[in-house]
Amino acid sequence: MLGGNNMYYNQAFYQPDYRFNSNTVAFQGIKDLQSHIPQPYRPAKLRIDDKISELIEEAAKIEKRLFAYDKRIMEIIESEVDKKRILKISFNQKKHEKMFGEIYQGLTGRKLLIDFKDLDLREENIKAIIDNRIFQGFEAIDFYRKIYFLLAAVEWKQMMYEIIGDEQNDIIKYIYYLNK
């Protein structure tokens, strides 16, 4: 370009018009226009990672909500065997939360910190709580699929695949309890 020193990173888009002397007003106007060419503030990959990290924060909140349902069901259910089974389901929620934390840290370099206040589940009807839990699980699966398709790293996709599979299995178990 001019003098070999490209002062602006977008100077390659500027084709000088040699009809104007470099100190004319018209030439100066072209140089001024060049600095106002809009440029993206960051590469698209970084913007997608920001979106994915927001989705993962929301997914971790969903896992906390599902855990609250599991906890309430354990409080109401009477059979010790059933309580142990529900406890295993609730362990899945904690495992998923950790997996989301790993993905989040891989994307952002920061630990996943979730601001979540506990749900106040006062419902006494076990069938109503299990019914709500099942549909919360269905919504979670749909949400997790969005994250799955946005992730690029194979190891993170495998984590999401495991989370989705676990959630499907949890729903099947709760359908069993709903029909028991």
Protein backbone atom coordinates (compact mmCIF):
# COMPACT_ATOMS: atom_id res chain seq x y z
CA MET A 1 0.00 0.00 0.00
CA LEU A 2 1.14 3.52 0.63
CA GLY A 3 4.73 3.60 1.78
CA GLY A 4 4.63 -0.11 2.73
CA ASN A 5 3.40 0.60 6.28
CA ASN A 6 -0.19 -0.49 6.78
CA MET A 7 -1.31 1.45 9.77
CA TYR A 8 -4.85 0.02 9.85
CA TYR A 9 -5.73 -3.67 9.76
CA ASN A 10 -8.46 -3.04 7.18
CA GLN A 11 -6.19 -1.08 4.86
CA ALA A 12 -6.05 -3.97 2.41
CA PHE A 13 -9.63 -3.13 1.37
CA TYR A 14 -8.58 0.38 0.34
CA GLN A 15 -7.46 0.75 -3.23
CA PRO A 16 -5.81 4.13 -3.64
CA ASP A 17 -6.92 6.25 -6.54
CA TYR A 18 -3.75 7.67 -7.99
CA ARG A 19 -5.66 10.35 -9.91
CA PHE A 20 -5.64 12.44 -6.72
CA ASN A 21 -2.56 13.97 -5.25
CA SER A 22 -2.03 12.53 -1.75
CA ASN A 23 -2.46 15.89 -0.08
CA THR A 24 -5.74 16.85 -1.80
CA VAL A 25 -9.03 17.10 0.09
CA ALA A 26 -10.60 14.29 -1.97
CA PHE A 27 -7.77 11.89 -1.16
CA GLN A 28 -7.99 12.77 2.56
CA GLY A 29 -11.76 12.07 2.45
CA ILE A 30 -11.14 8.57 1.11
CA LYS A 31 -8.62 7.89 3.89
CA ASP A 32 -11.12 9.14 6.51
CA LEU A 33 -13.88 6.95 5.07
CA GLN A 34 -11.59 3.93 5.39
CA SER A 35 -11.47 4.24 9.18
CA HIS A 36 -15.28 4.12 9.39
CA ILE A 37 -15.73 0.80 7.62
CA PRO A 38 -17.61 -1.40 10.11
CA GLN A 39 -15.70 -4.42 11.33
CA PRO A 40 -16.96 -7.25 13.51
CA TYR A 41 -15.89 -6.75 17.10
CA ARG A 42 -14.78 -10.37 17.50
CA PRO A 43 -14.48 -13.48 15.37
CA ALA A 44 -17.70 -15.49 14.95
CA LYS A 45 -16.21 -18.50 16.80
CA LEU A 46 -15.89 -16.46 20.00
CA ARG A 47 -19.48 -15.23 19.72
CA ILE A 48 -20.73 -18.82 19.30
CA ASP A 49 -18.71 -19.91 22.34
CA ASP A 50 -20.36 -17.11 24.34
CA LYS A 51 -23.79 -18.36 23.27
CA ILE A 52 -22.90 -21.95 24.16
CA SER A 53 -21.56 -20.88 27.55
CA GLU A 54 -24.86 -19.09 28.29
CA LEU A 55 -26.78 -22.22 27.30
CA ILE A 56 -24.58 -24.34 29.55
CA GLU A 57 -25.22 -22.01 32.48
CA GLU A 58 -28.95 -22.46 31.88
CA ALA A 59 -28.52 -26.24 31.56
CA ALA A 60 -26.78 -26.37 34.94
CA LYS A 61 -29.73 -24.49 36.44
CA ILE A 62 -32.07 -27.05 34.88
CA GLU A 63 -30.06 -29.82 36.54
CA LYS A 64 -30.44 -28.09 39.91
CA ARG A 65 -34.18 -27.82 39.31
CA LEU A 66 -34.40 -31.53 38.47
CA PHE A 67 -32.40 -32.32 41.60
CA ALA A 68 -34.92 -30.32 43.67
CA TYR A 69 -37.74 -32.46 42.25
CA ASP A 70 -35.79 -35.65 43.00
CA LYS A 71 -35.16 -34.47 46.56
CA ARG A 72 -38.85 -33.72 47.13
CA ILE A 73 -39.88 -37.10 45.73
CA MET A 74 -37.43 -38.82 48.11
CA GLU A 75 -38.98 -36.94 51.02
CA ILE A 76 -42.49 -38.11 50.16
CA ILE A 77 -41.91 -41.65 48.92
CA GLU A 78 -42.29 -44.30 51.61
CA SER A 79 -40.39 -47.37 50.41
CA GLU A 80 -36.68 -47.49 51.29
CA VAL A 81 -35.90 -49.38 48.07
CA ASP A 82 -37.62 -46.65 46.03
CA LYS A 83 -35.77 -43.95 47.97
CA LYS A 84 -32.44 -45.58 47.03
CA ARG A 85 -33.48 -45.71 43.38
CA ILE A 86 -34.47 -42.05 43.41
CA LEU A 87 -31.17 -41.24 45.15
CA LYS A 88 -29.31 -42.81 42.20
CA ILE A 89 -31.33 -40.61 39.85
CA SER A 90 -30.40 -37.54 41.90
CA PHE A 91 -26.72 -38.54 41.73
CA ASN A 92 -27.10 -38.37 37.94
CA GLN A 93 -28.16 -34.73 38.25
CA LYS A 94 -25.03 -33.89 40.25
CA LYS A 95 -22.86 -35.79 37.76
CA HIS A 96 -24.44 -33.85 34.89
CA GLU A 97 -23.83 -30.57 36.68
CA LYS A 98 -20.13 -31.45 36.96
CA MET A 99 -20.00 -32.39 33.28
CA PHE A 100 -21.56 -29.06 32.32
CA GLY A 101 -18.94 -27.41 34.52
CA GLU A 102 -16.14 -29.17 32.60
CA ILE A 103 -17.55 -28.07 29.26
CA TYR A 104 -18.04 -24.52 30.53
CA GLN A 105 -14.49 -24.33 31.85
CA GLY A 106 -13.17 -25.68 28.56
CA LEU A 107 -15.02 -22.98 26.64
CA THR A 108 -14.44 -20.00 28.91
CA GLY A 109 -11.48 -20.88 31.12
CA ARG A 110 -13.62 -20.06 34.17
CA LYS A 111 -15.39 -22.24 36.71
CA LEU A 112 -19.13 -22.55 36.37
CA LEU A 113 -20.83 -20.67 39.19
CA ILE A 114 -24.59 -20.92 39.36
CA ASP A 115 -26.85 -18.55 41.21
CA PHE A 116 -29.91 -20.68 41.91
CA LYS A 117 -32.36 -20.41 44.73
CA ASP A 118 -34.03 -23.64 45.77
CA LEU A 119 -37.48 -24.42 44.48
CA ASP A 120 -40.19 -24.34 47.06
CA LEU A 121 -41.97 -27.60 46.27
CA ARG A 122 -44.74 -27.98 48.81
CA GLU A 123 -46.87 -30.29 46.73
CA GLU A 124 -47.85 -33.37 48.70
CA ASN A 125 -49.34 -35.33 45.81
CA ILE A 126 -46.55 -37.67 44.69
CA LYS A 127 -48.18 -38.29 41.30
CA ALA A 128 -48.32 -34.55 40.55
CA ILE A 129 -44.67 -34.07 41.49
CA ILE A 130 -43.54 -37.06 39.40
CA ASP A 131 -45.67 -35.83 36.49
CA ASN A 132 -43.99 -32.40 36.70
CA ARG A 133 -40.57 -34.05 36.98
CA ILE A 134 -41.18 -36.12 33.84
CA PHE A 135 -42.11 -33.09 31.77
CA GLN A 136 -39.22 -31.07 33.19
CA GLY A 137 -37.00 -33.93 32.00
CA PHE A 138 -38.49 -33.81 28.50
CA GLU A 139 -37.86 -30.06 28.32
CA ALA A 140 -34.30 -30.60 29.55
CA ILE A 141 -33.62 -33.17 26.82
CA ASP A 142 -34.84 -30.78 24.12
CA PHE A 143 -32.65 -28.03 25.55
CA TYR A 144 -29.60 -30.30 25.80
CA ARG A 145 -29.96 -31.31 22.15
CA LYS A 146 -29.51 -27.66 21.16
CA ILE A 147 -26.23 -27.59 23.08
CA TYR A 148 -25.16 -30.92 21.58
CA PHE A 149 -25.47 -29.60 18.02
CA LEU A 150 -23.58 -26.39 18.82
CA LEU A 151 -20.56 -28.11 20.37
CA ALA A 152 -17.60 -28.89 18.14
CA ALA A 153 -15.31 -30.92 20.41
CA VAL A 154 -16.03 -34.66 20.23
CA GLU A 155 -15.39 -35.24 23.94
CA TRP A 156 -17.99 -32.58 24.85
CA LYS A 157 -20.46 -34.07 22.39
CA GLN A 158 -19.94 -37.45 24.08
CA MET A 159 -20.65 -35.87 27.47
CA MET A 160 -23.85 -34.34 26.13
CA TYR A 161 -24.84 -37.67 24.59
CA GLU A 162 -24.38 -39.34 27.99
CA ILE A 163 -26.38 -36.61 29.75
CA ILE A 164 -29.24 -36.93 27.26
CA GLY A 165 -29.23 -40.73 27.60
CA ASP A 166 -29.23 -40.54 31.40
CA GLU A 167 -32.11 -38.10 31.35
CA GLN A 168 -34.12 -40.40 29.08
CA ASN A 169 -33.48 -43.29 31.46
CA ASP A 170 -34.54 -41.16 34.43
CA ILE A 171 -37.81 -40.32 32.70
CA ILE A 172 -38.47 -44.02 32.05
CA LYS A 173 -37.93 -44.75 35.75
CA TYR A 174 -40.29 -41.97 36.76
CA ILE A 175 -42.93 -43.20 34.33
CA TYR A 176 -42.66 -46.54 36.13
CA TYR A 177 -43.26 -44.80 39.48
CA LEU A 178 -46.15 -42.80 38.03
CA ASN A 179 -47.86 -46.03 36.97
CA LYS A 180 -47.01 -47.96 40.13
